[in-house]
């Protein structure tokens, strides 16, 4: 449930040259489709697998794969971090993979359709704006209007599907809780000391987040029964490990350094559309008028906020220079 400003990317060689349009389109397409499809994969995975253990195992295996790739290309020294950097990565692991993605996985296990989960998660940039307001930041009028519009759509979506509807309202509220944790981690991330390489941060973040989820699952009574899981659940789990957590995030980091942030940020309102369509097409999840209207309001509000927060400069800011946190580059690693 994706996916955070990516700090520490050395962009000296990317922003000073024109991006390759086809590669940018390919990378952005991967982010659109893969992160949008991971909500469906989570729903299929938890049909048989315990939610917290499967999510924890997913992140631990993805961390090993990504760490092995980094070590093979740059050497094991690349993965070394200081205690402060490890602590910062661990906090992100708690807020993002564990409380963020892990709780979304539990919510889908308890009956939240993949499309509804994606629409509720789409409000991430809106919650980030709330944290900015609480910290004393004063965004523009269009930004505030977009936030208010989005929360109106969010409330309508939860109430229309949960009260007298087919979606357990507790499952929807779990997704909202996960979004609160994820957005807080996204907003707080620039204040943490982290490795300069965002891939190294991700490795240690997934290690700690995966370990937290595994311990929580065992504590809550979840158990592993490998032989009882269906082939569909195994395929979904493998898809989340390889494509959701390694391929798509790598594509995101690359395109973030090679395309305008205003273009990259469009994933925030494309992902839920992809998720709703796939849920309807493959799992026959109902798409009712309240879902279309409420979800449409949320997606429109996110587009308004992202557009209002777009930098006025033609040249994107250097990503290795600290800047105020904004919802523009909040990744959807809920689904990553």
Protein backbone atom coordinates (compact mmCIF):
# COMPACT_ATOMS: atom_id res chain seq x y z
CA UNK A 1 0.00 0.00 0.00
CA UNK A 2 3.46 2.14 -1.86
CA UNK A 3 4.89 4.74 -2.46
CA UNK A 4 7.63 9.38 0.38
CA UNK A 5 10.07 11.84 -0.89
CA UNK A 6 13.11 10.03 -2.14
CA UNK A 7 16.04 11.89 -0.69
CA UNK A 8 19.67 11.33 -1.33
CA UNK A 9 19.42 10.54 -5.04
CA UNK A 10 22.42 11.90 -6.86
CA UNK A 11 20.76 13.70 -9.74
CA UNK A 12 23.79 15.49 -11.16
CA UNK A 13 23.67 13.36 -14.30
CA UNK A 14 19.90 13.16 -14.68
CA UNK A 15 18.46 16.66 -14.43
CA UNK A 16 21.15 18.24 -16.59
CA UNK A 17 20.29 16.09 -19.60
CA UNK A 18 17.03 15.48 -21.40
CA UNK A 19 15.27 12.31 -20.23
CA UNK A 20 14.79 9.53 -22.75
CA UNK A 21 11.05 9.73 -23.52
CA UNK A 22 10.52 6.04 -24.19
CA UNK A 23 12.30 4.95 -21.01
CA UNK A 24 10.39 7.54 -18.99
CA UNK A 25 7.12 6.28 -20.46
CA UNK A 26 8.08 2.67 -19.72
CA UNK A 27 9.12 3.38 -16.13
CA UNK A 28 6.04 5.47 -15.44
CA UNK A 29 3.85 2.80 -17.02
CA UNK A 30 5.35 0.21 -14.66
CA UNK A 31 4.54 2.44 -11.68
CA UNK A 32 1.00 3.01 -12.96
CA UNK A 33 0.14 -0.63 -13.66
CA UNK A 34 2.19 -2.55 -11.10
CA UNK A 35 1.42 -0.39 -8.07
CA UNK A 36 -2.22 -0.20 -9.16
CA UNK A 37 -2.38 -3.99 -9.50
CA UNK A 38 -0.83 -4.80 -6.12
CA UNK A 39 -4.13 -4.17 -4.33
CA UNK A 40 -5.59 -7.00 -6.39
CA UNK A 41 -2.56 -9.20 -5.66
CA UNK A 42 -2.93 -8.58 -1.92
CA UNK A 43 -6.60 -9.56 -2.09
CA UNK A 44 -5.73 -12.82 -3.85
CA UNK A 45 -2.82 -13.55 -1.50
CA UNK A 46 -4.86 -13.28 1.70
CA UNK A 47 -7.51 -15.69 0.45
CA UNK A 48 -5.30 -18.47 1.84
CA UNK A 49 -2.29 -16.88 3.51
CA UNK A 50 -2.29 -15.23 6.95
CA UNK A 51 -2.13 -11.46 6.34
CA UNK A 52 0.66 -10.33 8.65
CA UNK A 53 2.97 -13.29 8.12
CA UNK A 54 2.55 -13.18 4.34
CA UNK A 55 3.16 -9.41 4.26
CA UNK A 56 6.14 -9.73 6.59
CA UNK A 57 7.65 -12.55 4.56
CA UNK A 58 7.09 -10.57 1.39
CA UNK A 59 9.10 -7.60 2.65
CA UNK A 60 11.87 -9.73 4.13
CA UNK A 61 12.38 -11.63 0.86
CA UNK A 62 12.19 -8.41 -1.17
CA UNK A 63 14.83 -6.85 1.11
CA UNK A 64 17.13 -9.82 0.55
CA UNK A 65 16.67 -9.60 -3.24
CA UNK A 66 17.23 -5.85 -3.40
CA UNK A 67 20.19 -6.06 -0.99
CA UNK A 68 21.76 -8.83 -3.08
CA UNK A 69 21.40 -6.76 -6.24
CA UNK A 70 23.06 -3.76 -4.58
CA UNK A 71 25.85 -5.90 -3.16
CA UNK A 72 26.49 -7.59 -6.49
CA UNK A 73 26.75 -4.29 -8.33
CA UNK A 74 28.43 -2.03 -5.78
CA UNK A 75 29.83 -4.37 -3.12
CA UNK A 76 28.61 -5.26 0.36
CA UNK A 77 29.97 -1.99 1.75
CA UNK A 78 27.12 -0.23 -0.05
CA UNK A 79 24.69 -1.61 2.55
CA UNK A 80 26.58 -0.27 5.56
CA UNK A 81 24.69 2.28 7.64
CA UNK A 82 25.31 4.21 10.85
CA UNK A 83 23.25 3.62 13.98
CA UNK A 84 21.33 6.84 13.36
CA UNK A 85 20.58 5.82 9.75
CA UNK A 86 19.48 2.37 10.88
CA UNK A 87 17.20 3.92 13.52
CA UNK A 88 15.64 6.23 10.92
CA UNK A 89 15.12 3.36 8.49
CA UNK A 90 13.59 1.25 11.28
CA UNK A 91 11.10 4.00 12.15
CA UNK A 92 10.08 4.17 8.52
CA UNK A 93 9.78 0.37 8.53
CA UNK A 94 7.31 0.63 11.40
CA UNK A 95 5.24 3.43 9.86
CA UNK A 96 5.26 2.38 6.20
CA UNK A 97 5.56 -1.39 5.53
CA UNK A 98 4.29 -2.49 8.98
CA UNK A 99 1.53 -0.05 9.99
CA UNK A 100 0.91 1.08 6.43
CA UNK A 101 1.01 -1.86 4.07
CA UNK A 102 0.56 -4.47 6.78
CA UNK A 103 -2.71 -2.98 8.05
CA UNK A 104 -4.03 -2.65 4.49
CA UNK A 105 -3.28 -6.36 4.03
CA UNK A 106 -5.22 -7.15 7.22
CA UNK A 107 -8.10 -4.94 6.01
CA UNK A 108 -8.33 -6.79 2.69
CA UNK A 109 -8.21 -10.08 4.61
CA UNK A 110 -11.21 -8.85 6.61
CA UNK A 111 -13.26 -8.06 3.52
CA UNK A 112 -12.17 -4.71 2.10
CA UNK A 113 -12.33 -4.97 -1.73
CA UNK A 114 -9.08 -4.12 -3.48
CA UNK A 115 -10.67 -1.21 -5.37
CA UNK A 116 -12.10 0.37 -2.21
CA UNK A 117 -8.74 0.00 -0.45
CA UNK A 118 -6.98 1.74 -3.34
CA UNK A 119 -9.47 4.62 -3.35
CA UNK A 120 -9.08 5.14 0.40
CA UNK A 121 -5.29 5.02 0.09
CA UNK A 122 -5.50 7.63 -2.69
CA UNK A 123 -6.14 10.19 0.05
CA UNK A 124 -2.47 9.97 1.14
CA UNK A 125 -1.51 13.42 -0.19
CA UNK A 126 -4.51 14.90 1.60
CA UNK A 127 -3.40 13.54 4.98
CA UNK A 128 0.13 14.82 4.32
CA UNK A 129 -1.36 18.29 3.90
CA UNK A 130 -3.09 17.92 7.28
CA UNK A 131 0.28 17.23 8.92
CA UNK A 132 1.75 20.22 7.12
CA UNK A 133 -1.05 22.43 8.42
CA UNK A 134 -0.57 21.10 11.96
CA UNK A 135 3.14 21.91 11.78
CA UNK A 136 2.47 25.54 10.90
CA UNK A 137 2.76 25.37 7.12
CA UNK A 138 0.27 27.49 5.22
CA UNK A 139 -0.52 26.05 1.79
CA UNK A 140 -2.46 28.00 -0.82
CA UNK A 141 -6.22 28.28 -1.14
CA UNK A 142 -6.47 25.73 -3.94
CA UNK A 143 -4.55 23.21 -1.86
CA UNK A 144 -6.87 23.72 1.13
CA UNK A 145 -9.91 23.50 -1.14
CA UNK A 146 -8.62 20.24 -2.60
CA UNK A 147 -8.05 18.78 0.87
CA UNK A 148 -11.57 19.69 2.02
CA UNK A 149 -13.08 18.28 -1.17
CA UNK A 150 -11.08 15.09 -0.80
CA UNK A 151 -12.12 14.45 2.77
CA UNK A 152 -15.74 14.99 1.78
CA UNK A 153 -15.36 12.31 -0.86
CA UNK A 154 -13.50 10.07 1.59
CA UNK A 155 -16.28 10.31 4.18
CA UNK A 156 -18.90 9.61 1.54
CA UNK A 157 -16.96 6.60 0.28
CA UNK A 158 -16.59 5.05 3.76
CA UNK A 159 -20.21 5.69 4.75
CA UNK A 160 -21.77 4.60 1.46
CA UNK A 161 -19.88 1.30 1.34
CA UNK A 162 -19.73 0.52 5.07
CA UNK A 163 -23.07 1.61 6.52
CA UNK A 164 -25.65 -0.77 5.17
CA UNK A 165 -23.31 -1.69 2.33
CA UNK A 166 -21.39 -4.80 1.40
CA UNK A 167 -18.02 -3.69 2.81
CA UNK A 168 -17.38 -4.17 6.56
CA UNK A 169 -16.94 -0.65 7.90
CA UNK A 170 -14.24 -1.91 10.27
CA UNK A 171 -12.16 -3.00 7.28
CA UNK A 172 -12.55 0.42 5.66
CA UNK A 173 -11.52 2.15 8.87
CA UNK A 174 -8.44 -0.07 9.06
CA UNK A 175 -7.41 1.21 5.61
CA UNK A 176 -7.91 4.79 6.82
CA UNK A 177 -5.78 4.02 9.90
CA UNK A 178 -3.07 2.57 7.66
CA UNK A 179 -3.20 5.68 5.49
CA UNK A 180 -2.73 7.87 8.55
CA UNK A 181 0.42 5.95 9.53
CA UNK A 182 1.79 5.92 6.00
CA UNK A 183 1.18 9.63 5.41
CA UNK A 184 2.76 10.53 8.75
CA UNK A 185 5.84 8.52 7.84
CA UNK A 186 5.93 10.22 4.44
CA UNK A 187 5.67 13.66 6.05
CA UNK A 188 8.19 12.90 8.80
CA UNK A 189 10.74 11.16 6.55
CA UNK A 190 12.71 14.29 5.51
CA UNK A 191 13.38 14.96 9.21
CA UNK A 192 15.07 11.60 9.73
CA UNK A 193 18.71 10.72 9.22
CA UNK A 194 18.72 8.14 6.45
CA UNK A 195 21.26 6.62 4.06
CA UNK A 196 21.91 8.83 1.05
CA UNK A 197 21.05 5.97 -1.28
CA UNK A 198 17.25 5.50 -1.24
CA UNK A 199 17.65 1.84 -2.26
CA UNK A 200 19.74 1.19 0.88
CA UNK A 201 17.07 2.94 2.95
CA UNK A 202 14.46 0.70 1.38
CA UNK A 203 16.43 -2.47 2.15
CA UNK A 204 16.68 -1.70 5.88
CA UNK A 205 13.15 -0.31 5.98
CA UNK A 206 11.76 -3.53 4.53
CA UNK A 207 13.91 -5.67 6.84
CA UNK A 208 12.57 -3.95 9.97
CA UNK A 209 9.01 -3.62 8.68
CA UNK A 210 8.95 -7.26 7.61
CA UNK A 211 10.33 -8.41 10.97
CA UNK A 212 7.73 -6.37 12.86
CA UNK A 213 4.91 -7.87 10.80
CA UNK A 214 6.26 -11.42 11.24
CA UNK A 215 6.51 -11.03 15.03
CA UNK A 216 3.05 -9.43 15.19
CA UNK A 217 1.55 -12.24 13.13
CA UNK A 218 3.04 -14.96 15.32
CA UNK A 219 1.93 -13.07 18.45
CA UNK A 220 -1.63 -12.85 17.09
CA UNK A 221 -1.73 -16.60 16.51
CA UNK A 222 -1.00 -16.74 12.78
CA UNK A 223 0.80 -19.86 11.65
CA UNK A 224 2.58 -20.91 8.46
CA UNK A 225 1.15 -23.84 6.50
CA UNK A 226 2.95 -23.81 3.16
CA UNK A 227 1.21 -26.86 1.71
CA UNK A 228 -2.28 -25.45 2.30
CA UNK A 229 -1.86 -22.33 0.18
CA UNK A 230 -3.30 -22.30 -3.32
CA UNK A 231 -1.24 -21.70 -6.44
CA UNK A 232 -3.06 -18.40 -6.94
CA UNK A 233 -1.98 -17.15 -3.52
CA UNK A 234 1.63 -18.18 -4.19
CA UNK A 235 1.62 -16.42 -7.55
CA UNK A 236 0.18 -13.28 -5.94
CA UNK A 237 2.78 -13.36 -3.16
CA UNK A 238 5.62 -13.80 -5.65
CA UNK A 239 4.25 -10.98 -7.79
CA UNK A 240 4.21 -8.66 -4.77
CA UNK A 241 7.79 -9.58 -3.86
CA UNK A 242 9.36 -9.24 -7.31
CA UNK A 243 7.26 -6.69 -9.14
CA UNK A 244 5.57 -4.72 -6.37
CA UNK A 245 8.55 -4.36 -4.04
CA UNK A 246 11.63 -4.53 -6.31
CA UNK A 247 10.80 -3.75 -9.95
CA UNK A 248 8.21 -1.00 -9.47
CA UNK A 249 10.13 0.80 -6.74
CA UNK A 250 13.30 0.74 -8.85
CA UNK A 251 11.33 2.16 -11.78
CA UNK A 252 9.89 4.85 -9.49
CA UNK A 253 13.30 5.95 -8.22
CA UNK A 254 14.68 6.07 -11.77
CA UNK A 255 11.79 8.05 -13.24
CA UNK A 256 11.85 10.42 -10.26
CA UNK A 257 15.36 11.41 -11.30
CA UNK A 258 14.58 11.62 -15.02
CA UNK A 259 11.19 13.31 -15.33
CA UNK A 260 9.42 16.36 -13.86
CA UNK A 261 7.95 15.65 -10.43
CA UNK A 262 4.56 16.94 -11.61
CA UNK A 263 4.50 14.11 -14.17
CA UNK A 264 5.69 11.44 -11.72
CA UNK A 265 3.08 12.50 -9.16
CA UNK A 266 0.27 11.51 -11.53
CA UNK A 267 0.64 7.93 -10.23
CA UNK A 268 -1.28 9.08 -7.12
CA UNK A 269 -4.52 9.33 -9.06
CA UNK A 270 -3.86 6.71 -11.74
CA UNK A 271 -3.17 3.81 -9.32
CA UNK A 272 -6.69 3.73 -7.80
CA UNK A 273 -8.29 3.78 -11.25
CA UNK A 274 -6.17 0.78 -12.26
CA UNK A 275 -6.99 -0.99 -8.99
CA UNK A 276 -10.76 -0.46 -9.29
CA UNK A 277 -10.75 -1.66 -12.91
CA UNK A 278 -8.73 -4.80 -12.16
CA UNK A 279 -10.83 -5.62 -9.10
CA UNK A 280 -13.97 -5.37 -11.22
CA UNK A 281 -12.48 -7.29 -14.16
CA UNK A 282 -10.79 -10.18 -12.32
CA UNK A 283 -12.56 -10.51 -8.96
CA UNK A 284 -15.96 -9.16 -10.02
CA UNK A 285 -15.86 -6.55 -7.27
CA UNK A 286 -18.96 -4.36 -7.57
CA UNK A 287 -18.52 -0.81 -8.84
CA UNK A 288 -21.59 1.07 -7.67
CA UNK A 289 -22.55 4.69 -8.21
CA UNK A 290 -21.57 5.68 -4.63
CA UNK A 291 -18.14 4.14 -5.23
CA UNK A 292 -17.75 5.91 -8.56
CA UNK A 293 -18.87 9.27 -7.16
CA UNK A 294 -16.97 9.09 -3.86
CA UNK A 295 -13.85 7.68 -5.50
CA UNK A 296 -14.05 10.23 -8.29
CA UNK A 297 -14.22 13.06 -5.76
CA UNK A 298 -11.15 11.72 -3.91
CA UNK A 299 -9.12 11.28 -7.10
CA UNK A 300 -10.13 14.73 -8.35
CA UNK A 301 -9.16 16.30 -5.03
CA UNK A 302 -5.74 14.62 -5.14
CA UNK A 303 -5.25 15.95 -8.66
CA UNK A 304 -6.15 19.46 -7.43
CA UNK A 305 -3.68 19.23 -4.53
CA UNK A 306 -0.87 17.82 -6.67
CA UNK A 307 -1.47 20.51 -9.30
CA UNK A 308 -1.57 23.30 -6.72
CA UNK A 309 1.68 22.08 -5.15
CA UNK A 310 3.49 21.82 -8.49
CA UNK A 311 6.72 23.83 -8.57
CA UNK A 312 6.61 26.88 -10.81
CA UNK A 313 10.20 26.42 -11.94
CA UNK A 314 10.87 24.66 -15.21
CA UNK A 315 13.91 22.83 -13.89
CA UNK A 316 12.99 20.35 -11.16
CA UNK A 317 14.68 20.89 -7.78
CA UNK A 318 17.75 18.85 -6.95
CA UNK A 319 16.63 15.82 -5.02
CA UNK A 320 19.77 15.76 -2.89
CA UNK A 321 18.94 19.20 -1.49
CA UNK A 322 16.59 19.25 1.54
CA UNK A 323 13.22 20.78 0.80
CA UNK A 324 9.94 21.15 2.68
CA UNK A 325 7.93 17.91 2.70
CA UNK A 326 5.03 17.84 0.29
CA UNK A 327 2.57 15.29 -1.04
CA UNK A 328 4.06 15.45 -4.52
CA UNK A 329 6.43 12.52 -4.12
CA UNK A 330 4.63 10.37 -1.57
CA UNK A 331 5.13 6.92 -2.95
CA UNK A 332 2.39 4.24 -2.95
CA UNK A 333 4.58 1.66 -1.32
CA UNK A 334 1.41 0.51 0.37
CA UNK A 335 1.28 -1.37 -2.83
CA UNK A 336 5.01 -1.64 -3.29
